[in-house]
Amino acid sequence: MLLALLIAIKVMANQHGWVNNDSLLYFEQARLLAAKDWAAAFKLFQWPLYAALVALIHTLTELEIQTAAQCLNAACFVLFVAGFQQLLMVAGAKHRTLHWGVWLLFSTTYLVGDILGMLLRDEGFWAAYTWGLVYWCRYAESHQLKQALAFQACMAIATLFRIEAIAYLVAIPLLNFIAPATDLRQKIRRWLITNLLLISIVTTLFIAILSGTIKSQQLGRLQEVLLQLTNLFTYRLDFIHQKAEILGQQVLGNLLDDYASISLWCSLLLIILLKTVKVAGYPTLILLAWPKRAWWGSINIHMQRLIALTLITGLVVSTVIILNTFVLSSRYVIASGIVMLCMAAFAISHFERCWPRWVIRLWMLIMALMALNNVWDHQAIDLDRDAVNAVKKINAADSRVFYDTENARFYAKQPFLDRIDGYKLLKQTEANGQIDAYDIYVISPHHDIPAYESYATKLLHTHHFVLTQTLYGWRKKSKAYIFIKSDKINADSAVAPATTEK
């Protein structure tokens, strides 16, 4: 756990203050909550637990909101690692399996190398979800009420971090019905016990809505669950059929268009599989794909059932998301990745006894290098910060600067503008006749709006702004232009046109 804390601190320190675009939304909501502006905070984002915890730490410690989020992030990661160890132990892990599992976790490029450094809700979800699995296994062994309530509480908290967790809160108690040596009445009784919290919450909300105490619009993201399921069985299936027709006509052709639907479905399932593999890491994939699977028998029977159900639930959740949005972030399949890491720990612990010693040493070396790469400072500063720093070097104290990205405005300590698109913001500025109200413009064109670059360049040239600097991001995949009003460029503060590549 101490190592987990040190890793979390090092990974966040490597960011050098960089923040994810989603983090800016949570920071603003935390600021509003700390200021007790409840209505504005809920309007900004209707699932406020993470921001509320950040606001609480900010209020109690007087730390900056970003620093408070980093403290919360580190605490959640430590709780997650502790829960992961407990999950291995209730699954029947020995000491060696426990060590392998933790090192598999620390070596995951996506979980530790990518997501851990971002100040997001995810780490809280990981912790609550993993502890929920732990308490379920304990309940399956003992059938104690306190374990059932702990499972429900953890999954409810996980749901308040990420709404997808509600699927596991609903699905996992179904394992009661496949328990052997119990009659149907006993199975139903146990199912009700493991759903006490959910039934109570649903009943309370139903009564509150009927009485008018709560409106359905106040349910936050719970509405999305019903909406996505409703949409899935209505127009989204028609939408998928239309996509399949396009695939058949434009890709497969007349001779193969009969296979369009199955090709599309296989492609979507393959995307889900690849995303899950990315989360768990390639070492985990190799271990689980190895032909000999005698290690499966060393896992507790209750954990075996839980693994199977969580993987199926994860597949269903991912399918619903990808069918509704045609987008699937790897963050949505982390729940399956955590379970796969647990399986891989048992696999490598078993293979250690039958593989040659040099293979195990090579495996340990690879995992150690991956873990070191996760905590290595690659000195990567994002383009928005580069642009703000460049403006600071040429900016007079009284100059007014227009930034078209929320991240740049955050670094420059400008007000939050609800992550409005830069193209739209510039058009609004032009419509309001405020182009000349700024002395410097920082424009970051993006590939999804090709017209933005030409529109901004032409508009600013018309208003006598001069392009003085072009900054490039990684492999020139992104860029930022700095325009300065011509009358601000004088003999003392002239900025020669330049290009900086990073």
Protein backbone atom coordinates (compact mmCIF):
# COMPACT_ATOMS: atom_id res chain seq x y z
CA MET A 1 0.00 0.00 0.00
CA LEU A 2 2.92 2.32 0.72
CA LEU A 3 4.36 1.45 -2.68
CA ALA A 4 0.97 2.19 -4.25
CA LEU A 5 0.94 5.60 -2.59
CA LEU A 6 4.46 6.38 -3.82
CA ILE A 7 3.57 5.27 -7.35
CA ALA A 8 0.45 7.44 -7.36
CA ILE A 9 2.42 10.47 -6.16
CA LYS A 10 5.19 9.92 -8.73
CA VAL A 11 2.79 9.41 -11.64
CA MET A 12 0.85 12.56 -10.75
CA ALA A 13 4.08 14.52 -10.28
CA ASN A 14 5.10 13.46 -13.79
CA GLN A 15 2.09 15.36 -15.16
CA HIS A 16 3.64 18.71 -14.17
CA GLY A 17 0.21 20.20 -13.56
CA TRP A 18 -1.37 18.82 -16.73
CA VAL A 19 -5.11 18.19 -16.39
CA ASN A 20 -7.54 16.15 -18.42
CA ASN A 21 -10.35 18.05 -20.12
CA ASP A 22 -12.94 16.20 -18.01
CA SER A 23 -11.07 17.17 -14.84
CA LEU A 24 -11.78 20.83 -15.55
CA LEU A 25 -15.50 20.11 -15.32
CA TYR A 26 -15.06 18.42 -11.93
CA PHE A 27 -12.84 21.24 -10.67
CA GLU A 28 -15.44 23.85 -11.55
CA GLN A 29 -18.19 21.80 -9.93
CA ALA A 30 -16.04 21.39 -6.81
CA ARG A 31 -15.52 25.16 -6.73
CA LEU A 32 -19.28 25.73 -6.94
CA LEU A 33 -19.95 23.14 -4.21
CA ALA A 34 -17.32 24.71 -1.95
CA ALA A 35 -19.08 28.05 -2.53
CA LYS A 36 -22.41 26.33 -1.63
CA ASP A 37 -23.89 27.10 -5.04
CA TRP A 38 -25.72 23.77 -5.14
CA ALA A 39 -28.06 24.49 -8.06
CA ALA A 40 -25.27 25.65 -10.39
CA ALA A 41 -23.09 22.69 -9.40
CA PHE A 42 -25.82 20.14 -10.10
CA LYS A 43 -26.70 21.84 -13.37
CA LEU A 44 -23.08 21.63 -14.49
CA PHE A 45 -22.85 17.87 -13.93
CA GLN A 46 -25.57 15.70 -12.45
CA TRP A 47 -23.37 13.07 -10.77
CA PRO A 48 -21.49 15.11 -8.17
CA LEU A 49 -19.93 12.65 -5.68
CA TYR A 50 -16.37 13.00 -6.98
CA ALA A 51 -16.54 16.80 -7.11
CA ALA A 52 -18.17 16.85 -3.66
CA LEU A 53 -15.26 14.89 -2.17
CA VAL A 54 -12.76 17.24 -3.83
CA ALA A 55 -14.71 20.23 -2.48
CA LEU A 56 -14.74 18.68 1.01
CA ILE A 57 -10.96 18.19 1.01
CA HIS A 58 -10.51 21.70 -0.37
CA THR A 59 -12.71 23.18 2.36
CA LEU A 60 -11.17 21.22 5.25
CA THR A 61 -7.53 21.65 4.25
CA GLU A 62 -7.65 24.92 2.28
CA LEU A 63 -5.60 23.22 -0.43
CA GLU A 64 -6.10 24.30 -4.03
CA ILE A 65 -8.81 22.32 -5.79
CA GLN A 66 -6.33 20.63 -8.11
CA THR A 67 -4.13 19.61 -5.15
CA ALA A 68 -7.21 18.36 -3.28
CA ALA A 69 -8.10 16.23 -6.32
CA GLN A 70 -4.57 14.80 -6.35
CA CYS A 71 -4.87 13.83 -2.67
CA LEU A 72 -8.20 12.14 -3.35
CA ASN A 73 -6.72 10.39 -6.37
CA ALA A 74 -3.83 8.97 -4.35
CA ALA A 75 -6.12 7.83 -1.52
CA CYS A 76 -8.49 6.07 -3.93
CA PHE A 77 -5.62 4.29 -5.67
CA VAL A 78 -4.26 3.02 -2.35
CA LEU A 79 -7.73 1.77 -1.42
CA PHE A 80 -8.00 0.11 -4.81
CA VAL A 81 -4.67 -1.70 -4.42
CA ALA A 82 -5.67 -2.81 -0.92
CA GLY A 83 -8.98 -4.09 -2.30
CA PHE A 84 -7.21 -5.88 -5.15
CA GLN A 85 -4.99 -7.70 -2.66
CA GLN A 86 -8.02 -8.69 -0.60
CA LEU A 87 -9.76 -9.88 -3.77
CA LEU A 88 -6.83 -12.17 -4.54
CA MET A 89 -6.86 -13.49 -0.97
CA VAL A 90 -10.58 -14.30 -0.89
CA ALA A 91 -10.09 -16.00 -4.26
CA GLY A 92 -7.60 -18.36 -2.60
CA ALA A 93 -4.27 -16.70 -3.40
CA LYS A 94 -1.10 -17.72 -1.61
CA HIS A 95 1.68 -15.27 -0.77
CA ARG A 96 3.42 -15.71 -4.13
CA THR A 97 0.19 -15.22 -6.08
CA LEU A 98 -0.43 -12.03 -4.13
CA HIS A 99 2.98 -10.64 -5.16
CA TRP A 100 2.49 -11.55 -8.81
CA GLY A 101 -0.95 -9.94 -8.84
CA VAL A 102 0.28 -6.64 -7.44
CA TRP A 103 3.19 -6.50 -9.89
CA LEU A 104 0.89 -7.30 -12.79
CA LEU A 105 -1.26 -4.39 -11.64
CA PHE A 106 1.66 -1.96 -11.26
CA SER A 107 2.97 -2.89 -14.73
CA THR A 108 -0.29 -2.19 -16.57
CA THR A 109 0.43 0.57 -19.06
CA TYR A 110 -3.15 1.78 -19.26
CA LEU A 111 -4.28 1.71 -15.63
CA VAL A 112 -1.11 3.01 -14.00
CA GLY A 113 0.73 4.58 -16.91
CA ASP A 114 -2.19 6.49 -18.46
CA ILE A 115 -5.29 6.82 -16.28
CA LEU A 116 -3.75 7.10 -12.82
CA GLY A 117 -2.20 10.46 -13.65
CA MET A 118 -5.57 11.87 -14.69
CA LEU A 119 -7.70 13.43 -11.97
CA LEU A 120 -10.94 11.60 -12.75
CA ARG A 121 -13.75 9.71 -11.08
CA ASP A 122 -12.29 6.42 -12.23
CA GLU A 123 -9.96 5.72 -9.30
CA GLY A 124 -12.87 6.03 -6.87
CA PHE A 125 -14.85 3.60 -9.01
CA TRP A 126 -11.94 1.13 -9.07
CA ALA A 127 -11.68 1.15 -5.29
CA ALA A 128 -15.40 0.85 -4.51
CA TYR A 129 -16.01 -1.76 -7.23
CA THR A 130 -13.07 -3.95 -6.16
CA TRP A 131 -14.07 -3.86 -2.50
CA GLY A 132 -17.62 -4.71 -3.59
CA LEU A 133 -16.30 -7.89 -5.23
CA VAL A 134 -14.37 -8.69 -2.05
CA TYR A 135 -17.45 -8.39 0.15
CA TRP A 136 -19.49 -10.47 -2.28
CA CYS A 137 -17.00 -13.34 -2.04
CA ARG A 138 -17.07 -13.08 1.73
CA TYR A 139 -20.86 -13.14 1.69
CA ALA A 140 -20.89 -16.17 -0.62
CA GLU A 141 -18.73 -17.98 1.95
CA SER A 142 -20.48 -16.94 5.17
CA HIS A 143 -23.94 -15.58 4.14
CA GLN A 144 -23.59 -12.92 6.82
CA LEU A 145 -25.88 -9.91 6.57
CA LYS A 146 -23.04 -7.45 7.25
CA GLN A 147 -21.10 -8.77 4.26
CA ALA A 148 -24.19 -8.43 2.03
CA LEU A 149 -24.76 -4.85 3.17
CA ALA A 150 -21.07 -4.03 2.68
CA PHE A 151 -21.23 -5.40 -0.87
CA GLN A 152 -24.28 -3.27 -1.67
CA ALA A 153 -22.80 -0.15 -0.08
CA CYS A 154 -19.55 -0.48 -2.05
CA MET A 155 -21.36 -1.04 -5.35
CA ALA A 156 -23.68 1.89 -4.61
CA ILE A 157 -20.65 4.11 -4.02
CA ALA A 158 -19.07 2.77 -7.22
CA THR A 159 -22.29 3.73 -9.02
CA LEU A 160 -22.02 7.26 -7.64
CA PHE A 161 -18.57 7.46 -9.20
CA ARG A 162 -19.46 5.81 -12.52
CA ILE A 163 -23.03 4.98 -13.46
CA GLU A 164 -22.05 1.69 -15.22
CA ALA A 165 -21.48 0.12 -11.80
CA ILE A 166 -25.24 -0.16 -11.35
CA ALA A 167 -25.16 -3.10 -13.78
CA TYR A 168 -22.91 -5.04 -11.37
CA LEU A 169 -25.07 -4.05 -8.40
CA VAL A 170 -28.03 -5.62 -10.19
CA ALA A 171 -26.30 -8.59 -11.84
CA ILE A 172 -24.03 -10.02 -9.13
CA PRO A 173 -26.87 -10.97 -6.68
CA LEU A 174 -28.20 -13.26 -9.44
CA LEU A 175 -25.41 -15.64 -8.45
CA ASN A 176 -27.63 -16.63 -5.54
CA PHE A 177 -29.78 -18.59 -7.97
CA ILE A 178 -26.96 -20.87 -9.11
CA ALA A 179 -25.80 -21.76 -5.60
CA PRO A 180 -25.99 -25.55 -5.16
CA ALA A 181 -27.63 -27.45 -2.29
CA THR A 182 -30.25 -24.77 -1.56
CA ASP A 183 -33.94 -24.77 -2.39
CA LEU A 184 -35.66 -22.03 -4.39
CA ARG A 185 -37.11 -20.34 -1.29
CA GLN A 186 -33.62 -20.02 0.22
CA LYS A 187 -32.23 -18.65 -3.04
CA ILE A 188 -34.95 -16.00 -3.24
CA ARG A 189 -34.38 -15.04 0.39
CA ARG A 190 -30.65 -14.59 -0.21
CA TRP A 191 -31.32 -12.63 -3.39
CA LEU A 192 -33.58 -10.25 -1.43
CA ILE A 193 -30.93 -9.85 1.27
CA THR A 194 -28.29 -8.90 -1.30
CA ASN A 195 -30.70 -6.41 -2.87
CA LEU A 196 -31.98 -4.76 0.30
CA LEU A 197 -30.28 -1.45 -0.40
CA LEU A 198 -31.25 -1.37 -4.07
CA ILE A 199 -34.89 -2.25 -3.32
CA SER A 200 -35.03 0.39 -0.58
CA ILE A 201 -33.58 3.10 -2.84
CA VAL A 202 -35.84 2.24 -5.78
CA THR A 203 -38.92 2.14 -3.54
CA THR A 204 -38.06 5.48 -1.92
CA LEU A 205 -37.44 7.16 -5.28
CA PHE A 206 -40.65 5.72 -6.72
CA ILE A 207 -42.72 7.06 -3.81
CA ALA A 208 -40.95 10.43 -3.97
CA ILE A 209 -41.67 10.77 -7.70
CA LEU A 210 -45.32 9.78 -7.28
CA SER A 211 -45.75 12.26 -4.44
CA GLY A 212 -44.07 15.02 -6.44
CA THR A 213 -41.25 15.46 -3.92
CA ILE A 214 -38.70 14.62 -6.62
CA LYS A 215 -39.03 15.15 -10.34
CA SER A 216 -37.61 12.62 -12.77
CA GLN A 217 -35.27 15.33 -14.11
CA GLN A 218 -33.60 15.41 -10.67
CA LEU A 219 -32.51 11.78 -10.83
CA GLY A 220 -29.25 12.78 -12.50
CA ARG A 221 -27.57 10.14 -14.60
CA LEU A 222 -29.98 7.42 -13.46
CA GLN A 223 -32.15 8.64 -16.31
CA GLU A 224 -29.41 7.68 -18.76
CA VAL A 225 -29.65 4.02 -17.76
CA LEU A 226 -33.33 3.82 -18.68
CA LEU A 227 -32.85 6.04 -21.72
CA GLN A 228 -30.03 3.94 -23.16
CA LEU A 229 -31.91 0.69 -22.63
CA THR A 230 -35.05 2.19 -24.18
CA ASN A 231 -33.15 3.58 -27.15
CA LEU A 232 -31.33 0.30 -27.67
CA PHE A 233 -34.51 -1.61 -28.33
CA THR A 234 -36.11 1.12 -30.43
CA TYR A 235 -34.29 3.23 -32.98
CA ARG A 236 -30.68 2.19 -32.21
CA LEU A 237 -31.19 -1.29 -33.68
CA ASP A 238 -32.55 0.35 -36.82
CA PHE A 239 -29.48 2.59 -36.82
CA ILE A 240 -27.21 -0.47 -36.64
CA HIS A 241 -29.13 -2.02 -39.52
CA GLN A 242 -28.54 1.13 -41.58
CA LYS A 243 -24.82 1.00 -40.79
CA ALA A 244 -24.76 -2.63 -41.89
CA GLU A 245 -26.41 -1.70 -45.21
CA ILE A 246 -23.76 0.98 -45.80
CA LEU A 247 -21.03 -1.57 -45.00
CA GLY A 248 -22.57 -4.04 -47.44
CA GLN A 249 -23.00 -1.55 -50.27
CA GLN A 250 -19.77 0.44 -49.99
CA VAL A 251 -17.29 -2.11 -48.61
CA LEU A 252 -18.37 -5.70 -49.17
CA GLY A 253 -20.17 -5.27 -52.48
CA ASN A 254 -23.06 -7.16 -54.04
CA LEU A 255 -21.52 -10.60 -53.72
CA LEU A 256 -20.82 -10.32 -49.98
CA ASP A 257 -23.49 -7.90 -48.74
CA ASP A 258 -25.37 -10.77 -47.08
CA TYR A 259 -22.57 -10.84 -44.51
CA ALA A 260 -22.79 -7.13 -43.71
CA SER A 261 -24.71 -7.50 -40.44
CA ILE A 262 -22.52 -10.23 -39.01
CA SER A 263 -19.40 -8.33 -40.12
CA LEU A 264 -20.54 -5.22 -38.28
CA TRP A 265 -21.43 -7.13 -35.11
CA CYS A 266 -18.11 -9.00 -35.16
CA SER A 267 -16.27 -5.70 -35.61
CA LEU A 268 -18.01 -4.16 -32.61
CA LEU A 269 -17.32 -7.21 -30.44
CA LEU A 270 -13.69 -7.18 -31.56
CA ILE A 271 -13.41 -3.53 -30.52
CA ILE A 272 -14.73 -4.42 -27.06
CA LEU A 273 -12.24 -7.29 -26.79
CA LEU A 274 -9.29 -5.14 -27.88
CA LYS A 275 -10.26 -2.39 -25.45
CA THR A 276 -10.42 -4.93 -22.61
CA VAL A 277 -7.04 -6.38 -23.54
CA LYS A 278 -5.59 -2.86 -23.59
CA VAL A 279 -6.79 -2.30 -20.02
CA ALA A 280 -5.52 -5.61 -18.64
CA GLY A 281 -2.21 -5.40 -20.53
CA TYR A 282 -0.48 -7.75 -22.93
CA PRO A 283 1.25 -9.83 -20.22
CA THR A 284 -2.21 -10.64 -18.86
CA LEU A 285 -3.41 -11.55 -22.36
CA ILE A 286 -0.49 -13.94 -22.88
CA LEU A 287 -1.03 -15.61 -19.52
CA LEU A 288 -4.76 -16.09 -20.03
CA ALA A 289 -4.32 -17.29 -23.63
CA TRP A 290 -1.68 -19.89 -22.67
CA PRO A 291 -3.05 -23.36 -23.57
CA LYS A 292 -2.66 -25.00 -20.15
CA ARG A 293 -5.27 -23.71 -17.70
CA ALA A 294 -4.79 -25.95 -14.67
CA TRP A 295 -4.52 -22.77 -12.59
CA TRP A 296 -8.29 -22.21 -12.89
CA GLY A 297 -8.92 -24.94 -10.31
CA SER A 298 -6.87 -23.10 -7.69
CA ILE A 299 -9.38 -20.24 -7.66
CA ASN A 300 -12.17 -20.34 -5.08
CA ILE A 301 -15.44 -21.64 -6.59
CA HIS A 302 -17.31 -18.49 -5.55
CA MET A 303 -14.68 -16.37 -7.25
CA GLN A 304 -14.91 -18.51 -10.37
CA ARG A 305 -18.63 -17.78 -10.64
CA LEU A 306 -18.06 -14.11 -9.87
CA ILE A 307 -15.39 -13.85 -12.58
CA ALA A 308 -17.66 -15.38 -15.18
CA LEU A 309 -20.59 -13.13 -14.27
CA THR A 310 -18.55 -9.91 -14.13
CA LEU A 311 -16.99 -10.61 -17.54
CA ILE A 312 -20.43 -11.27 -19.04
CA THR A 313 -21.84 -8.15 -17.38
CA GLY A 314 -18.89 -6.11 -18.65
CA LEU A 315 -19.54 -7.38 -22.17
CA VAL A 316 -23.22 -6.45 -21.94
CA VAL A 317 -22.46 -2.97 -20.55
CA SER A 318 -19.86 -2.33 -23.27
CA THR A 319 -22.25 -3.53 -25.96
CA VAL A 320 -25.03 -1.25 -24.75
CA ILE A 321 -22.66 1.73 -24.67
CA ILE A 322 -21.13 1.11 -28.09
CA LEU A 323 -24.50 0.53 -29.72
CA ASN A 324 -25.92 3.73 -28.25
CA THR A 325 -22.98 6.02 -28.93
CA PHE A 326 -20.66 4.24 -31.40
CA VAL A 327 -17.90 5.24 -28.97
CA LEU A 328 -16.23 3.06 -26.35
CA SER A 329 -13.53 4.47 -24.12
CA SER A 330 -11.21 1.90 -22.56
CA ARG A 331 -12.23 3.33 -19.19
CA TYR A 332 -15.64 1.65 -19.61
CA VAL A 333 -14.12 -1.85 -19.60
CA ILE A 334 -11.77 -1.44 -16.61
CA ALA A 335 -14.14 -3.52 -14.46
CA SER A 336 -13.42 -6.52 -16.70
CA GLY A 337 -9.72 -5.68 -16.78
CA ILE A 338 -9.47 -5.83 -12.98
CA VAL A 339 -10.97 -9.32 -12.93
CA MET A 340 -8.64 -10.44 -15.74
CA LEU A 341 -5.63 -9.21 -13.75
CA CYS A 342 -6.82 -11.33 -10.83
CA MET A 343 -7.03 -14.39 -13.09
CA ALA A 344 -3.58 -13.68 -14.55
CA ALA A 345 -2.05 -13.63 -11.05
CA PHE A 346 -3.19 -17.21 -10.47
CA ALA A 347 -2.01 -18.19 -13.94
CA ILE A 348 1.56 -16.93 -13.57
CA SER A 349 1.80 -18.29 -10.04
CA HIS A 350 0.99 -21.72 -11.47
CA PHE A 351 3.31 -21.36 -14.48
CA GLU A 352 6.17 -20.36 -12.19
CA ARG A 353 6.30 -23.95 -10.99
CA CYS A 354 6.45 -25.50 -14.47
CA TRP A 355 8.23 -22.95 -16.69
CA PRO A 356 12.04 -22.84 -16.89
CA ARG A 357 13.65 -20.45 -14.44
CA TRP A 358 15.06 -18.22 -17.20
CA VAL A 359 11.54 -17.68 -18.56
CA ILE A 360 10.29 -16.52 -15.16
CA ARG A 361 13.28 -14.21 -14.78
CA LEU A 362 12.65 -12.77 -18.24
CA TRP A 363 9.00 -12.29 -17.32
CA MET A 364 9.97 -10.49 -14.11
CA LEU A 365 12.37 -8.27 -16.05
CA ILE A 366 9.69 -7.31 -18.58
CA MET A 367 7.19 -6.48 -15.83
CA ALA A 368 9.81 -4.47 -13.93
CA LEU A 369 10.63 -2.46 -17.07
CA MET A 370 6.94 -1.83 -17.71
CA ALA A 371 6.44 -0.67 -14.13
CA LEU A 372 9.47 1.63 -14.38
CA ASN A 373 8.15 3.02 -17.65
CA ASN A 374 4.87 3.83 -15.91
CA VAL A 375 6.59 5.97 -13.29
CA TRP A 376 9.27 7.42 -15.58
CA ASP A 377 9.01 11.16 -16.18
CA HIS A 378 8.81 11.54 -19.96
CA GLN A 379 8.84 15.33 -19.64
CA ALA A 380 5.70 15.68 -21.73
CA ILE A 381 4.02 19.07 -21.46
CA ASP A 382 0.83 19.50 -23.41
CA LEU A 383 0.39 22.02 -26.21
CA ASP A 384 -2.02 24.20 -24.24
CA ARG A 385 0.57 24.75 -21.51
CA ASP A 386 3.21 25.49 -24.15
CA ALA A 387 0.92 28.13 -25.65
CA VAL A 388 0.23 29.77 -22.28
CA ASN A 389 3.94 29.84 -21.46
CA ALA A 390 4.72 31.36 -24.86
CA VAL A 391 2.11 34.06 -24.31
CA LYS A 392 3.56 34.85 -20.88
CA LYS A 393 6.94 35.55 -22.48
CA ILE A 394 5.51 38.10 -24.91
CA ASN A 395 2.53 39.34 -22.97
CA ALA A 396 2.39 42.78 -21.38
CA ALA A 397 0.59 42.92 -18.04
CA ASP A 398 -2.45 44.68 -19.45
CA SER A 399 -2.85 42.54 -22.58
CA ARG A 400 -6.13 40.68 -23.00
CA VAL A 401 -5.70 37.12 -24.28
CA PHE A 402 -8.26 34.92 -26.03
CA TYR A 403 -7.71 31.18 -25.50
CA ASP A 404 -9.92 28.81 -27.46
CA THR A 405 -9.46 25.72 -25.24
CA GLU A 406 -10.62 25.16 -21.69
CA ASN A 407 -7.26 23.69 -20.70
CA ALA A 408 -5.39 26.80 -21.82
CA ARG A 409 -7.85 29.01 -19.94
CA PHE A 410 -7.27 26.89 -16.83
CA TYR A 411 -3.49 27.25 -17.06
CA ALA A 412 -3.90 30.99 -17.62
CA LYS A 413 -6.29 31.18 -14.63
CA GLN A 414 -9.18 32.48 -16.73
CA PRO A 415 -12.86 31.77 -15.92
CA PHE A 416 -14.40 28.40 -16.79
CA LEU A 417 -16.52 28.55 -19.98
CA ASP A 418 -18.15 25.11 -19.78
CA ARG A 419 -15.63 23.60 -22.24
CA ILE A 420 -17.20 25.43 -25.16
CA ASP A 421 -15.78 24.53 -28.56
CA GLY A 422 -13.16 27.04 -29.75
CA TYR A 423 -14.75 27.44 -33.17
CA LYS A 424 -18.11 28.22 -31.60
CA LEU A 425 -16.53 30.59 -29.06
CA LEU A 426 -14.71 32.55 -31.77
CA LYS A 427 -17.91 32.85 -33.80
CA GLN A 428 -19.74 34.13 -30.72
CA THR A 429 -16.98 36.67 -30.14
CA GLU A 430 -17.30 37.86 -33.74
CA ALA A 431 -21.10 38.02 -33.52
CA ASN A 432 -20.82 40.15 -30.37
CA GLY A 433 -18.41 42.51 -32.11
CA GLN A 434 -15.66 41.76 -29.59
CA ILE A 435 -12.80 40.61 -31.82
CA ASP A 436 -10.88 43.84 -31.16
CA ALA A 437 -11.46 43.51 -27.41
CA TYR A 438 -8.46 41.16 -27.25
CA ASP A 439 -4.80 41.85 -27.90
CA ILE A 440 -3.64 38.25 -28.38
CA TYR A 441 -5.42 35.22 -29.81
CA VAL A 442 -4.29 31.63 -29.25
CA ILE A 443 -5.98 29.41 -31.83
CA SER A 444 -5.73 25.61 -31.69
CA PRO A 445 -7.42 24.20 -34.81
CA HIS A 446 -8.64 20.63 -34.65
CA HIS A 447 -8.95 18.04 -37.39
CA ASP A 448 -12.67 17.43 -36.84
CA ILE A 449 -13.48 21.04 -37.87
CA PRO A 450 -11.37 21.68 -40.99
CA ALA A 451 -12.99 25.09 -41.61
CA TYR A 452 -11.87 26.46 -38.23
CA GLU A 453 -8.24 27.15 -39.19
CA SER A 454 -9.01 29.05 -42.38
CA TYR A 455 -11.91 30.91 -40.76
CA ALA A 456 -9.84 32.04 -37.75
CA THR A 457 -6.82 33.05 -39.86
CA LYS A 458 -8.89 35.10 -42.30
CA LEU A 459 -10.93 36.74 -39.54
CA LEU A 460 -7.91 37.76 -37.46
CA HIS A 461 -5.99 39.05 -40.48
CA THR A 462 -9.00 41.19 -41.34
CA HIS A 463 -8.82 42.72 -37.87
CA HIS A 464 -5.07 43.38 -38.24
CA PHE A 465 -3.74 40.54 -36.12
CA VAL A 466 -0.35 39.12 -37.08
CA LEU A 467 0.66 35.47 -36.77
CA THR A 468 3.82 35.57 -34.67
CA GLN A 469 4.31 32.00 -33.55
CA THR A 470 3.26 28.45 -34.39
CA LEU A 471 3.61 25.73 -31.79
CA TYR A 472 3.46 22.04 -32.66
CA GLY A 473 2.50 19.15 -30.45
CA TRP A 474 3.64 15.54 -30.53
CA ARG A 475 4.57 14.46 -34.07
CA LYS A 476 2.90 17.64 -35.33
CA LYS A 477 -0.52 16.07 -34.79
CA SER A 478 -1.70 19.26 -33.11
CA LYS A 479 -0.72 22.89 -33.32
CA ALA A 480 -1.47 26.30 -31.88
CA TYR A 481 -1.23 29.70 -33.54
CA ILE A 482 -0.45 32.88 -31.61
CA PHE A 483 -1.83 36.05 -33.20
CA ILE A 484 -0.94 39.50 -31.84
CA LYS A 485 -2.64 42.77 -32.73
CA SER A 486 -0.36 44.70 -35.05
CA ASP A 487 -0.35 47.87 -32.95
CA LYS A 488 0.92 45.84 -29.95
CA ILE A 489 4.04 44.82 -31.83
CA ASN A 490 6.54 47.64 -31.38
CA ALA A 491 10.25 48.06 -31.35
CA ASP A 492 10.61 47.05 -27.71
CA SER A 493 8.34 44.00 -27.62
CA ALA A 494 8.42 42.83 -31.21
CA VAL A 495 8.02 39.13 -31.65
CA ALA A 496 9.50 37.79 -34.83
CA PRO A 497 7.46 35.08 -36.57
CA ALA A 498 8.77 31.78 -35.32
CA THR A 499 7.97 28.10 -35.16
CA THR A 500 8.54 26.00 -32.08
CA GLU A 501 8.31 22.25 -32.37
CA LYS A 502 7.84 20.12 -29.25
